[in-house]
């Protein structure tokens, strides 16, 4: 790296997409740093404890480093081990537990990235360019109903064992909700699923659907469709069932734990504060389709960070392409040999 008082690049987010950008920045000879509000691959560290990825190992690889796993699909633990080792082997400059408060464009070009560490101490980093690779996992879509903030309510599934012998309600009908329901059922929980639609989502993985539908058919898991949550109380959930062409019906269910697995979104706060334009409804950033640069020159969004509520458009696999194109554009602009 070239010695410089102002870095070439700050990458906000040290998930797989941010790390791929960091590897490419290092190999291009840029002076850069990665900042993350948690540990390396923070989102993956918050996945269910015993989760297995839906995708195969080679599609999660970064920097040309092979991800060797016991089966074709890695577990959460295998992925965490892998990404830590990549950071070590590449000697990437990552500052963990560093929250980015503001990305401030400078009048003469470049940016000041304002930070706060885990002890509340403020800091700042100057850079010629910034790439946001913050993902979305820490920002659930809230239902906006009373009781959503109660201690027994979660917006992410952790593990099934603590729910043995208990009544559990899951709101959602995608692959993550289905996986959680089956895991809880196998652990001895009494599981009920609630979804506002007519059936499970079309995106539900094909190898999960038959198992879940069979458990519902035999009564091992209860499913209520055309149903929405109206309020959550300790050990009780109030529901409203609205089948097409029929009067609404009120339901009261016992629930000692509630999982609201209704998805996530990428908040546009850093984008808006920097002056970047976003779509008024989807919150997705206006991006150059080739470089993933925002409407603020030198500010890029890679991975799902720039897609607002359209998080299903981006996965690790295509997010890696974003990192490749954004770095190529930046390197060309900076004229780095």
C-alpha atoms as a PDB file:
ATOM      1  CA  UNK A   1       0.000   0.000   0.000  1.00  0.00           C
ATOM      2  CA  UNK A   2       1.093   3.563  -0.662  1.00  0.00           C
ATOM      3  CA  UNK A   3       1.705   5.699   2.412  1.00  0.00           C
ATOM      4  CA  UNK A   4      -0.858   8.528   2.503  1.00  0.00           C
ATOM      5  CA  UNK A   5      -2.591  10.676   5.103  1.00  0.00           C
ATOM      6  CA  UNK A   6      -5.878  10.302   3.242  1.00  0.00           C
ATOM      7  CA  UNK A   7      -6.872   6.764   2.335  1.00  0.00           C
ATOM      8  CA  UNK A   8      -7.981   5.799  -1.133  1.00  0.00           C
ATOM      9  CA  UNK A   9     -10.972   3.901   0.161  1.00  0.00           C
ATOM     10  CA  UNK A  10     -13.089   3.186   3.222  1.00  0.00           C
ATOM     11  CA  UNK A  11     -15.251   0.058   3.019  1.00  0.00           C
ATOM     12  CA  UNK A  12     -18.160   0.144   5.462  1.00  0.00           C
ATOM     13  CA  UNK A  13     -19.072  -3.439   6.322  1.00  0.00           C
ATOM     14  CA  UNK A  14     -16.842  -6.495   6.710  1.00  0.00           C
ATOM     15  CA  UNK A  15     -19.246  -9.130   5.482  1.00  0.00           C
ATOM     16  CA  UNK A  16     -18.429 -11.341   2.482  1.00  0.00           C
ATOM     17  CA  UNK A  17     -19.072  -8.515  -0.014  1.00  0.00           C
ATOM     18  CA  UNK A  18     -17.010  -5.978   1.921  1.00  0.00           C
ATOM     19  CA  UNK A  19     -14.196  -8.490   2.377  1.00  0.00           C
ATOM     20  CA  UNK A  20     -14.178  -9.255  -1.363  1.00  0.00           C
ATOM     21  CA  UNK A  21     -13.889  -5.518  -2.022  1.00  0.00           C
ATOM     22  CA  UNK A  22     -11.055  -5.336   0.513  1.00  0.00           C
ATOM     23  CA  UNK A  23      -9.153  -8.173  -1.123  1.00  0.00           C
ATOM     24  CA  UNK A  24      -9.478  -6.516  -4.520  1.00  0.00           C
ATOM     25  CA  UNK A  25      -8.442  -3.141  -3.059  1.00  0.00           C
ATOM     26  CA  UNK A  26      -5.345  -4.683  -1.517  1.00  0.00           C
ATOM     27  CA  UNK A  27      -4.342  -6.468  -4.716  1.00  0.00           C
ATOM     28  CA  UNK A  28      -4.768  -3.177  -6.605  1.00  0.00           C
ATOM     29  CA  UNK A  29      -2.392  -1.447  -4.170  1.00  0.00           C
ATOM     30  CA  UNK A  30      -4.976   0.889  -2.631  1.00  0.00           C
ATOM     31  CA  UNK A  31      -4.650   2.383   0.831  1.00  0.00           C
ATOM     32  CA  UNK A  32      -7.874   1.354   2.546  1.00  0.00           C
ATOM     33  CA  UNK A  33      -9.603   0.180   5.699  1.00  0.00           C
ATOM     34  CA  UNK A  34     -12.697  -1.906   6.441  1.00  0.00           C
ATOM     35  CA  UNK A  35     -15.019  -0.786   9.242  1.00  0.00           C
ATOM     36  CA  UNK A  36     -17.712  -2.932  10.844  1.00  0.00           C
ATOM     37  CA  UNK A  37     -19.989  -2.288  13.794  1.00  0.00           C
ATOM     38  CA  UNK A  38     -19.587  -5.902  14.927  1.00  0.00           C
ATOM     39  CA  UNK A  39     -17.162  -8.774  14.324  1.00  0.00           C
ATOM     40  CA  UNK A  40     -16.054  -9.942  10.906  1.00  0.00           C
ATOM     41  CA  UNK A  41     -19.077 -11.244   8.920  1.00  0.00           C
ATOM     42  CA  UNK A  42     -21.346  -9.905  11.640  1.00  0.00           C
ATOM     43  CA  UNK A  43     -24.574 -10.958   9.915  1.00  0.00           C
ATOM     44  CA  UNK A  44     -23.465 -14.577   9.523  1.00  0.00           C
ATOM     45  CA  UNK A  45     -22.461 -14.670  13.194  1.00  0.00           C
ATOM     46  CA  UNK A  46     -26.103 -13.847  14.013  1.00  0.00           C
ATOM     47  CA  UNK A  47     -27.553 -16.646  11.875  1.00  0.00           C
ATOM     48  CA  UNK A  48     -29.193 -19.617  13.651  1.00  0.00           C
ATOM     49  CA  UNK A  49     -26.573 -21.506  15.643  1.00  0.00           C
ATOM     50  CA  UNK A  50     -26.866 -24.786  13.735  1.00  0.00           C
ATOM     51  CA  UNK A  51     -27.820 -23.348  10.343  1.00  0.00           C
ATOM     52  CA  UNK A  52     -26.764 -24.849   7.025  1.00  0.00           C
ATOM     53  CA  UNK A  53     -26.614 -22.457   4.071  1.00  0.00           C
ATOM     54  CA  UNK A  54     -29.117 -22.838   1.246  1.00  0.00           C
ATOM     55  CA  UNK A  55     -26.346 -22.308  -1.323  1.00  0.00           C
ATOM     56  CA  UNK A  56     -23.278 -24.377  -2.130  1.00  0.00           C
ATOM     57  CA  UNK A  57     -19.755 -23.692  -0.881  1.00  0.00           C
ATOM     58  CA  UNK A  58     -18.135 -22.447  -4.083  1.00  0.00           C
ATOM     59  CA  UNK A  59     -20.694 -19.649  -4.420  1.00  0.00           C
ATOM     60  CA  UNK A  60     -19.653 -18.197  -1.067  1.00  0.00           C
ATOM     61  CA  UNK A  61     -15.927 -18.113  -1.784  1.00  0.00           C
ATOM     62  CA  UNK A  62     -14.037 -14.813  -1.867  1.00  0.00           C
ATOM     63  CA  UNK A  63     -10.624 -13.838  -3.159  1.00  0.00           C
ATOM     64  CA  UNK A  64     -10.102 -17.203  -4.838  1.00  0.00           C
ATOM     65  CA  UNK A  65      -9.787 -18.954  -1.453  1.00  0.00           C
ATOM     66  CA  UNK A  66     -11.489 -22.381  -1.503  1.00  0.00           C
ATOM     67  CA  UNK A  67     -14.199 -23.018   1.073  1.00  0.00           C
ATOM     68  CA  UNK A  68     -13.725 -26.661   2.059  1.00  0.00           C
ATOM     69  CA  UNK A  69     -16.763 -28.177   3.790  1.00  0.00           C
ATOM     70  CA  UNK A  70     -17.989 -31.569   4.938  1.00  0.00           C
ATOM     71  CA  UNK A  71     -20.913 -31.470   2.500  1.00  0.00           C
ATOM     72  CA  UNK A  72     -21.815 -29.396  -0.539  1.00  0.00           C
ATOM     73  CA  UNK A  73     -23.493 -26.732   1.619  1.00  0.00           C
ATOM     74  CA  UNK A  74     -21.529 -25.121   4.456  1.00  0.00           C
ATOM     75  CA  UNK A  75     -22.740 -24.739   7.999  1.00  0.00           C
ATOM     76  CA  UNK A  76     -22.688 -21.440   9.860  1.00  0.00           C
ATOM     77  CA  UNK A  77     -19.613 -22.589  11.809  1.00  0.00           C
ATOM     78  CA  UNK A  78     -17.740 -23.595   8.648  1.00  0.00           C
ATOM     79  CA  UNK A  79     -18.503 -20.223   7.051  1.00  0.00           C
ATOM     80  CA  UNK A  80     -17.349 -18.284  10.120  1.00  0.00           C
ATOM     81  CA  UNK A  81     -14.120 -20.293  10.259  1.00  0.00           C
ATOM     82  CA  UNK A  82     -13.554 -19.685   6.546  1.00  0.00           C
ATOM     83  CA  UNK A  83     -14.049 -15.918   6.546  1.00  0.00           C
ATOM     84  CA  UNK A  84     -11.856 -15.440   9.642  1.00  0.00           C
ATOM     85  CA  UNK A  85      -9.039 -17.378   7.986  1.00  0.00           C
ATOM     86  CA  UNK A  86      -9.366 -15.362   4.768  1.00  0.00           C
ATOM     87  CA  UNK A  87      -9.036 -12.113   6.725  1.00  0.00           C
ATOM     88  CA  UNK A  88      -5.957 -13.508   8.484  1.00  0.00           C
ATOM     89  CA  UNK A  89      -4.319 -14.882   5.341  1.00  0.00           C
ATOM     90  CA  UNK A  90      -4.936 -11.688   3.382  1.00  0.00           C
ATOM     91  CA  UNK A  91      -3.919  -9.502   6.366  1.00  0.00           C
ATOM     92  CA  UNK A  92      -6.861  -7.212   5.693  1.00  0.00           C
ATOM     93  CA  UNK A  93      -6.997  -3.978   7.744  1.00  0.00           C
ATOM     94  CA  UNK A  94     -10.335  -4.490   9.497  1.00  0.00           C
ATOM     95  CA  UNK A  95     -11.534  -2.361  12.401  1.00  0.00           C
ATOM     96  CA  UNK A  96     -14.292  -4.311  14.114  1.00  0.00           C
ATOM     97  CA  UNK A  97     -16.820  -2.926  16.614  1.00  0.00           C
ATOM     98  CA  UNK A  98     -16.596   0.445  14.898  1.00  0.00           C
ATOM     99  CA  UNK A  99     -19.928   2.052  14.104  1.00  0.00           C
ATOM    100  CA  UNK A 100     -20.087   4.450  11.159  1.00  0.00           C
ATOM    101  CA  UNK A 101     -22.287   7.393  12.130  1.00  0.00           C
ATOM    102  CA  UNK A 102     -21.965   9.549   9.039  1.00  0.00           C
ATOM    103  CA  UNK A 103     -20.332   9.625   5.617  1.00  0.00           C
ATOM    104  CA  UNK A 104     -19.679  13.300   4.932  1.00  0.00           C
ATOM    105  CA  UNK A 105     -18.707  14.443   1.415  1.00  0.00           C
ATOM    106  CA  UNK A 106     -16.016  17.138   1.360  1.00  0.00           C
ATOM    107  CA  UNK A 107     -16.379  20.307  -0.730  1.00  0.00           C
ATOM    108  CA  UNK A 108     -13.150  19.635  -2.626  1.00  0.00           C
ATOM    109  CA  UNK A 109     -13.851  15.937  -3.156  1.00  0.00           C
ATOM    110  CA  UNK A 110     -13.434  12.892  -0.982  1.00  0.00           C
ATOM    111  CA  UNK A 111     -15.144  12.046   2.286  1.00  0.00           C
ATOM    112  CA  UNK A 112     -14.844  12.131   6.042  1.00  0.00           C
ATOM    113  CA  UNK A 113     -16.232   8.968   7.631  1.00  0.00           C
ATOM    114  CA  UNK A 114     -17.310   9.665  11.207  1.00  0.00           C
ATOM    115  CA  UNK A 115     -17.157   6.694  13.583  1.00  0.00           C
ATOM    116  CA  UNK A 116     -17.784   5.660  17.162  1.00  0.00           C
ATOM    117  CA  UNK A 117     -16.081   2.670  18.789  1.00  0.00           C
ATOM    118  CA  UNK A 118     -17.583   0.194  21.253  1.00  0.00           C
ATOM    119  CA  UNK A 119     -16.606   2.451  24.159  1.00  0.00           C
ATOM    120  CA  UNK A 120     -18.382   5.473  22.686  1.00  0.00           C
ATOM    121  CA  UNK A 121     -15.254   7.264  21.521  1.00  0.00           C
ATOM    122  CA  UNK A 122     -15.664   9.325  18.364  1.00  0.00           C
ATOM    123  CA  UNK A 123     -13.247   9.114  15.452  1.00  0.00           C
ATOM    124  CA  UNK A 124     -12.940  10.017  11.784  1.00  0.00           C
ATOM    125  CA  UNK A 125     -11.288   8.608   8.666  1.00  0.00           C
ATOM    126  CA  UNK A 126     -10.599  10.590   5.496  1.00  0.00           C
ATOM    127  CA  UNK A 127     -10.812   8.837   2.139  1.00  0.00           C
ATOM    128  CA  UNK A 128     -11.082   9.582  -1.551  1.00  0.00           C
ATOM    129  CA  UNK A 129     -13.906   7.066  -1.961  1.00  0.00           C
ATOM    130  CA  UNK A 130     -16.345   5.094   0.194  1.00  0.00           C
ATOM    131  CA  UNK A 131     -18.061   1.763  -0.463  1.00  0.00           C
ATOM    132  CA  UNK A 132     -21.106   0.840   1.591  1.00  0.00           C
ATOM    133  CA  UNK A 133     -21.351  -2.926   2.066  1.00  0.00           C
ATOM    134  CA  UNK A 134     -23.512  -2.875   5.172  1.00  0.00           C
ATOM    135  CA  UNK A 135     -26.111  -5.459   4.157  1.00  0.00           C
ATOM    136  CA  UNK A 136     -29.486  -5.529   5.866  1.00  0.00           C
ATOM    137  CA  UNK A 137     -29.599  -8.292   8.506  1.00  0.00           C
ATOM    138  CA  UNK A 138     -29.663  -5.950  11.499  1.00  0.00           C
ATOM    139  CA  UNK A 139     -32.757  -4.101  10.283  1.00  0.00           C
ATOM    140  CA  UNK A 140     -35.946  -6.200  10.415  1.00  0.00           C
ATOM    141  CA  UNK A 141     -39.215  -5.132   8.848  1.00  0.00           C
ATOM    142  CA  UNK A 142     -41.403  -4.347  11.838  1.00  0.00           C
ATOM    143  CA  UNK A 143     -45.096  -5.188  11.926  1.00  0.00           C
ATOM    144  CA  UNK A 144     -45.934  -2.050  13.877  1.00  0.00           C
ATOM    145  CA  UNK A 145     -48.237  -3.845  16.321  1.00  0.00           C
ATOM    146  CA  UNK A 146     -48.506  -3.516  20.118  1.00  0.00           C
ATOM    147  CA  UNK A 147     -46.171  -5.843  21.990  1.00  0.00           C
ATOM    148  CA  UNK A 148     -43.619  -6.238  19.203  1.00  0.00           C
ATOM    149  CA  UNK A 149     -40.872  -5.128  21.594  1.00  0.00           C
ATOM    150  CA  UNK A 150     -41.681  -7.619  24.371  1.00  0.00           C
ATOM    151  CA  UNK A 151     -38.779  -9.771  25.627  1.00  0.00           C
ATOM    152  CA  UNK A 152     -40.154 -13.042  24.214  1.00  0.00           C
ATOM    153  CA  UNK A 153     -40.436 -11.621  20.687  1.00  0.00           C
ATOM    154  CA  UNK A 154     -37.552 -12.067  18.219  1.00  0.00           C
ATOM    155  CA  UNK A 155     -36.966 -10.859  14.669  1.00  0.00           C
ATOM    156  CA  UNK A 156     -34.353 -13.554  14.012  1.00  0.00           C
ATOM    157  CA  UNK A 157     -34.297 -17.248  14.820  1.00  0.00           C
ATOM    158  CA  UNK A 158     -31.455 -18.424  17.046  1.00  0.00           C
ATOM    159  CA  UNK A 159     -31.867 -22.067  18.034  1.00  0.00           C
ATOM    160  CA  UNK A 160     -34.658 -24.461  18.895  1.00  0.00           C
ATOM    161  CA  UNK A 161     -33.543 -26.112  22.140  1.00  0.00           C
ATOM    162  CA  UNK A 162     -34.837 -23.408  24.563  1.00  0.00           C
ATOM    163  CA  UNK A 163     -38.339 -23.833  23.096  1.00  0.00           C
ATOM    164  CA  UNK A 164     -38.705 -27.526  23.961  1.00  0.00           C
ATOM    165  CA  UNK A 165     -42.218 -28.141  25.301  1.00  0.00           C
ATOM    166  CA  UNK A 166     -43.338 -24.559  24.632  1.00  0.00           C
ATOM    167  CA  UNK A 167     -45.849 -22.868  22.347  1.00  0.00           C
ATOM    168  CA  UNK A 168     -44.069 -20.974  19.569  1.00  0.00           C
ATOM    169  CA  UNK A 169     -45.601 -18.689  16.945  1.00  0.00           C
ATOM    170  CA  UNK A 170     -43.756 -17.925  13.697  1.00  0.00           C
ATOM    171  CA  UNK A 171     -44.872 -15.073  11.469  1.00  0.00           C
ATOM    172  CA  UNK A 172     -43.617 -15.638   7.928  1.00  0.00           C
ATOM    173  CA  UNK A 173     -43.778 -18.236   5.174  1.00  0.00           C
ATOM    174  CA  UNK A 174     -40.419 -18.111   3.394  1.00  0.00           C
ATOM    175  CA  UNK A 175     -37.462 -20.481   3.587  1.00  0.00           C
ATOM    176  CA  UNK A 176     -36.082 -19.028   6.838  1.00  0.00           C
ATOM    177  CA  UNK A 177     -39.474 -19.287   8.555  1.00  0.00           C
ATOM    178  CA  UNK A 178     -39.934 -22.831   7.243  1.00  0.00           C
ATOM    179  CA  UNK A 179     -36.480 -23.903   8.397  1.00  0.00           C
ATOM    180  CA  UNK A 180     -37.148 -22.448  11.858  1.00  0.00           C
ATOM    181  CA  UNK A 181     -40.552 -24.154  12.082  1.00  0.00           C
ATOM    182  CA  UNK A 182     -39.112 -27.566  11.209  1.00  0.00           C
ATOM    183  CA  UNK A 183     -36.176 -27.125  13.593  1.00  0.00           C
ATOM    184  CA  UNK A 184     -38.511 -26.124  16.438  1.00  0.00           C
ATOM    185  CA  UNK A 185     -40.863 -29.023  15.692  1.00  0.00           C
ATOM    186  CA  UNK A 186     -37.968 -31.502  15.797  1.00  0.00           C
ATOM    187  CA  UNK A 187     -36.866 -29.999  19.133  1.00  0.00           C
ATOM    188  CA  UNK A 188     -40.272 -30.649  20.693  1.00  0.00           C
ATOM    189  CA  UNK A 189     -41.903 -27.218  20.433  1.00  0.00           C
ATOM    190  CA  UNK A 190     -45.589 -26.763  19.594  1.00  0.00           C
ATOM    191  CA  UNK A 191     -45.316 -24.678  16.428  1.00  0.00           C
ATOM    192  CA  UNK A 192     -47.869 -22.421  14.739  1.00  0.00           C
ATOM    193  CA  UNK A 193     -47.120 -20.487  11.552  1.00  0.00           C
ATOM    194  CA  UNK A 194     -48.987 -17.349  10.499  1.00  0.00           C
ATOM    195  CA  UNK A 195     -48.894 -15.765   7.043  1.00  0.00           C
ATOM    196  CA  UNK A 196     -50.977 -13.069   5.401  1.00  0.00           C
ATOM    197  CA  UNK A 197     -50.865 -14.839   2.031  1.00  0.00           C
ATOM    198  CA  UNK A 198     -52.840 -17.800   0.737  1.00  0.00           C
ATOM    199  CA  UNK A 199     -50.020 -20.327   1.112  1.00  0.00           C
ATOM    200  CA  UNK A 200     -46.266 -20.614   1.635  1.00  0.00           C
ATOM    201  CA  UNK A 201     -44.134 -18.294  -0.477  1.00  0.00           C
ATOM    202  CA  UNK A 202     -43.196 -19.381  -4.009  1.00  0.00           C
ATOM    203  CA  UNK A 203     -39.547 -18.744  -3.075  1.00  0.00           C
ATOM    204  CA  UNK A 204     -39.672 -21.516  -0.439  1.00  0.00           C
ATOM    205  CA  UNK A 205     -36.786 -23.883  -1.284  1.00  0.00           C
ATOM    206  CA  UNK A 206     -37.963 -26.957  -3.138  1.00  0.00           C
ATOM    207  CA  UNK A 207     -36.268 -29.390  -0.751  1.00  0.00           C
ATOM    208  CA  UNK A 208     -37.949 -27.777   2.294  1.00  0.00           C
ATOM    209  CA  UNK A 209     -41.516 -27.441   0.990  1.00  0.00           C
ATOM    210  CA  UNK A 210     -42.583 -31.144   0.983  1.00  0.00           C
ATOM    211  CA  UNK A 211     -41.374 -31.708   4.535  1.00  0.00           C
ATOM    212  CA  UNK A 212     -43.153 -28.612   5.835  1.00  0.00           C
ATOM    213  CA  UNK A 213     -46.390 -29.284   3.945  1.00  0.00           C
ATOM    214  CA  UNK A 214     -46.450 -32.859   5.232  1.00  0.00           C
ATOM    215  CA  UNK A 215     -45.984 -31.692   8.823  1.00  0.00           C
ATOM    216  CA  UNK A 216     -48.873 -29.241   8.379  1.00  0.00           C
ATOM    217  CA  UNK A 217     -51.065 -31.901   6.759  1.00  0.00           C
ATOM    218  CA  UNK A 218     -50.514 -34.346   9.605  1.00  0.00           C
ATOM    219  CA  UNK A 219     -51.109 -31.636  12.230  1.00  0.00           C
ATOM    220  CA  UNK A 220     -47.591 -31.596  13.687  1.00  0.00           C
ATOM    221  CA  UNK A 221     -47.285 -27.917  12.692  1.00  0.00           C
ATOM    222  CA  UNK A 222     -50.306 -25.611  12.552  1.00  0.00           C
ATOM    223  CA  UNK A 223     -50.519 -23.034   9.759  1.00  0.00           C
ATOM    224  CA  UNK A 224     -52.941 -20.097   9.524  1.00  0.00           C
ATOM    225  CA  UNK A 225     -53.061 -18.359   6.132  1.00  0.00           C
ATOM    226  CA  UNK A 226     -54.802 -15.081   5.229  1.00  0.00           C
ATOM    227  CA  UNK A 227     -53.928 -14.130   8.795  1.00  0.00           C
ATOM    228  CA  UNK A 228     -52.234 -11.080  10.322  1.00  0.00           C
ATOM    229  CA  UNK A 229     -51.026 -10.236  13.822  1.00  0.00           C
ATOM    230  CA  UNK A 230     -52.976  -7.509  15.615  1.00  0.00           C
ATOM    231  CA  UNK A 231     -51.281  -7.495  19.033  1.00  0.00           C
ATOM    232  CA  UNK A 232     -48.768  -9.452  21.090  1.00  0.00           C
ATOM    233  CA  UNK A 233     -49.066  -9.924  24.843  1.00  0.00           C
ATOM    234  CA  UNK A 234     -47.175 -12.109  27.315  1.00  0.00           C
ATOM    235  CA  UNK A 235     -48.048 -15.678  26.315  1.00  0.00           C
ATOM    236  CA  UNK A 236     -50.863 -14.540  23.974  1.00  0.00           C
ATOM    237  CA  UNK A 237     -51.112 -13.303  20.386  1.00  0.00           C
ATOM    238  CA  UNK A 238     -54.186 -11.675  18.861  1.00  0.00           C
ATOM    239  CA  UNK A 239     -54.744 -12.494  15.177  1.00  0.00           C
ATOM    240  CA  UNK A 240     -57.180 -11.521  12.472  1.00  0.00           C
ATOM    241  CA  UNK A 241     -58.016 -14.059   9.792  1.00  0.00           C
ATOM    242  CA  UNK A 242     -59.378 -12.622   6.542  1.00  0.00           C
ATOM    243  CA  UNK A 243     -60.120 -15.316   3.935  1.00  0.00           C
ATOM    244  CA  UNK A 244     -61.188 -13.878   0.551  1.00  0.00           C
ATOM    245  CA  UNK A 245     -64.936 -13.339   0.326  1.00  0.00           C
ATOM    246  CA  UNK A 246     -65.514 -14.157   4.000  1.00  0.00           C
ATOM    247  CA  UNK A 247     -65.991 -12.029   7.127  1.00  0.00           C
ATOM    248  CA  UNK A 248     -62.894 -11.377   9.230  1.00  0.00           C
ATOM    249  CA  UNK A 249     -62.429 -13.688  12.209  1.00  0.00           C
ATOM    250  CA  UNK A 250     -60.554 -12.894  15.415  1.00  0.00           C
ATOM    251  CA  UNK A 251     -58.208 -15.508  16.905  1.00  0.00           C
ATOM    252  CA  UNK A 252     -56.368 -15.703  20.227  1.00  0.00           C
ATOM    253  CA  UNK A 253     -53.433 -18.098  20.417  1.00  0.00           C
ATOM    254  CA  UNK A 254     -51.118 -19.085  23.229  1.00  0.00           C
ATOM    255  CA  UNK A 255     -47.486 -18.213  22.404  1.00  0.00           C
ATOM    256  CA  UNK A 256     -44.616 -18.315  24.866  1.00  0.00           C
ATOM    257  CA  UNK A 257     -42.133 -17.285  22.187  1.00  0.00           C
ATOM    258  CA  UNK A 258     -42.779 -15.338  18.995  1.00  0.00           C
ATOM    259  CA  UNK A 259     -40.541 -15.173  15.928  1.00  0.00           C
ATOM    260  CA  UNK A 260     -41.377 -12.383  13.483  1.00  0.00           C
ATOM    261  CA  UNK A 261     -39.500 -13.700  10.434  1.00  0.00           C
ATOM    262  CA  UNK A 262     -40.930 -11.159   8.008  1.00  0.00           C
ATOM    263  CA  UNK A 263     -37.711 -10.084   6.335  1.00  0.00           C
ATOM    264  CA  UNK A 264     -35.255  -7.200   6.492  1.00  0.00           C
ATOM    265  CA  UNK A 265     -34.398  -4.011   4.648  1.00  0.00           C
ATOM    266  CA  UNK A 266     -31.276  -1.954   3.987  1.00  0.00           C
ATOM    267  CA  UNK A 267     -31.758   1.439   5.679  1.00  0.00           C
ATOM    268  CA  UNK A 268     -30.850   4.480   3.548  1.00  0.00           C
ATOM    269  CA  UNK A 269     -29.689   6.701   6.437  1.00  0.00           C
ATOM    270  CA  UNK A 270     -26.008   6.903   5.444  1.00  0.00           C
ATOM    271  CA  UNK A 271     -26.978   7.436   1.810  1.00  0.00           C
ATOM    272  CA  UNK A 272     -29.396  10.246   2.576  1.00  0.00           C
ATOM    273  CA  UNK A 273     -26.974  11.993   4.940  1.00  0.00           C
ATOM    274  CA  UNK A 274     -24.345  11.927   2.177  1.00  0.00           C
ATOM    275  CA  UNK A 275     -26.808  13.393  -0.332  1.00  0.00           C
ATOM    276  CA  UNK A 276     -27.358  10.250  -2.444  1.00  0.00           C
ATOM    277  CA  UNK A 277     -30.745   9.796  -4.090  1.00  0.00           C
ATOM    278  CA  UNK A 278     -32.976   6.786  -3.333  1.00  0.00           C
ATOM    279  CA  UNK A 279     -36.323   5.544  -4.584  1.00  0.00           C
ATOM    280  CA  UNK A 280     -39.159   7.009  -2.464  1.00  0.00           C
ATOM    281  CA  UNK A 281     -40.961   3.674  -2.074  1.00  0.00           C
ATOM    282  CA  UNK A 282     -38.333   0.922  -2.203  1.00  0.00           C
ATOM    283  CA  UNK A 283     -35.569   3.045  -0.588  1.00  0.00           C
ATOM    284  CA  UNK A 284     -33.175   1.566  -3.177  1.00  0.00           C
ATOM    285  CA  UNK A 285     -30.273   3.809  -4.137  1.00  0.00           C
ATOM    286  CA  UNK A 286     -29.948   5.234  -7.625  1.00  0.00           C
ATOM    287  CA  UNK A 287     -26.898   3.310  -8.833  1.00  0.00           C
ATOM    288  CA  UNK A 288     -24.897   3.218 -12.014  1.00  0.00           C
ATOM    289  CA  UNK A 289     -25.620  -0.331 -13.255  1.00  0.00           C
ATOM    290  CA  UNK A 290     -22.021  -0.903 -14.321  1.00  0.00           C
ATOM    291  CA  UNK A 291     -20.052   0.595 -11.420  1.00  0.00           C
ATOM    292  CA  UNK A 292     -22.601   0.626  -8.554  1.00  0.00           C
ATOM    293  CA  UNK A 293     -21.681   4.244  -7.880  1.00  0.00           C
ATOM    294  CA  UNK A 294     -24.427   6.356  -6.298  1.00  0.00           C
ATOM    295  CA  UNK A 295     -25.451   9.851  -7.394  1.00  0.00           C
ATOM    296  CA  UNK A 296     -22.640  11.145  -5.155  1.00  0.00           C
ATOM    297  CA  UNK A 297     -19.338  10.697  -7.043  1.00  0.00           C
ATOM    298  CA  UNK A 298     -16.978   8.364  -5.192  1.00  0.00           C
ATOM    299  CA  UNK A 299     -19.722   6.828  -3.029  1.00  0.00           C
ATOM    300  CA  UNK A 300     -20.561   3.239  -3.996  1.00  0.00           C
ATOM    301  CA  UNK A 301     -23.108   0.708  -2.726  1.00  0.00           C
ATOM    302  CA  UNK A 302     -22.282  -2.973  -3.127  1.00  0.00           C
ATOM    303  CA  UNK A 303     -24.246  -6.034  -2.128  1.00  0.00           C
ATOM    304  CA  UNK A 304     -27.696  -5.441  -0.672  1.00  0.00           C
ATOM    305  CA  UNK A 305     -26.685  -2.160   1.008  1.00  0.00           C
ATOM    306  CA  UNK A 306     -28.142  -0.095  -1.824  1.00  0.00           C
ATOM    307  CA  UNK A 307     -31.317  -2.061  -2.446  1.00  0.00           C
ATOM    308  CA  UNK A 308     -33.610  -0.852   0.340  1.00  0.00           C
ATOM    309  CA  UNK A 309     -36.592  -3.175   0.682  1.00  0.00           C
ATOM    310  CA  UNK A 310     -35.589  -5.113  -2.453  1.00  0.00           C
ATOM    311  CA  UNK A 311     -33.304  -7.407  -0.486  1.00  0.00           C
ATOM    312  CA  UNK A 312     -34.397 -10.505  -2.411  1.00  0.00           C
ATOM    313  CA  UNK A 313     -32.645  -9.040  -5.489  1.00  0.00           C
ATOM    314  CA  UNK A 314     -29.183  -9.548  -3.984  1.00  0.00           C
ATOM    315  CA  UNK A 315     -27.368 -12.576  -2.605  1.00  0.00           C
ATOM    316  CA  UNK A 316     -23.745 -13.128  -1.662  1.00  0.00           C
ATOM    317  CA  UNK A 317     -23.120 -14.534  -5.154  1.00  0.00           C
ATOM    318  CA  UNK A 318     -24.217 -11.510  -7.179  1.00  0.00           C
ATOM    319  CA  UNK A 319     -23.034  -9.100  -4.492  1.00  0.00           C
ATOM    320  CA  UNK A 320     -19.499 -10.339  -5.201  1.00  0.00           C
ATOM    321  CA  UNK A 321     -19.959  -9.135  -8.774  1.00  0.00           C
ATOM    322  CA  UNK A 322     -20.878  -5.686  -7.421  1.00  0.00           C
ATOM    323  CA  UNK A 323     -17.583  -5.584  -5.513  1.00  0.00           C
ATOM    324  CA  UNK A 324     -15.610  -6.585  -8.605  1.00  0.00           C
ATOM    325  CA  UNK A 325     -17.180  -3.915 -10.804  1.00  0.00           C
ATOM    326  CA  UNK A 326     -17.031  -1.153  -8.213  1.00  0.00           C
ATOM    327  CA  UNK A 327     -13.328  -1.768  -7.517  1.00  0.00           C
ATOM    328  CA  UNK A 328     -12.495  -1.880 -11.210  1.00  0.00           C
ATOM    329  CA  UNK A 329     -14.262   1.467 -11.688  1.00  0.00           C
ATOM    330  CA  UNK A 330     -12.520   3.058  -8.696  1.00  0.00           C
ATOM    331  CA  UNK A 331      -9.071   1.778  -9.674  1.00  0.00           C
ATOM    332  CA  UNK A 332      -9.518   3.185 -13.174  1.00  0.00           C
ATOM    333  CA  UNK A 333     -10.648   6.536 -11.772  1.00  0.00           C
ATOM    334  CA  UNK A 334      -7.737   6.780  -9.353  1.00  0.00           C
ATOM    335  CA  UNK A 335      -5.305   5.768 -12.092  1.00  0.00           C
ATOM    336  CA  UNK A 336      -3.599   3.211  -9.871  1.00  0.00           C
ATOM    337  CA  UNK A 337      -1.026   1.135 -11.725  1.00  0.00           C
END
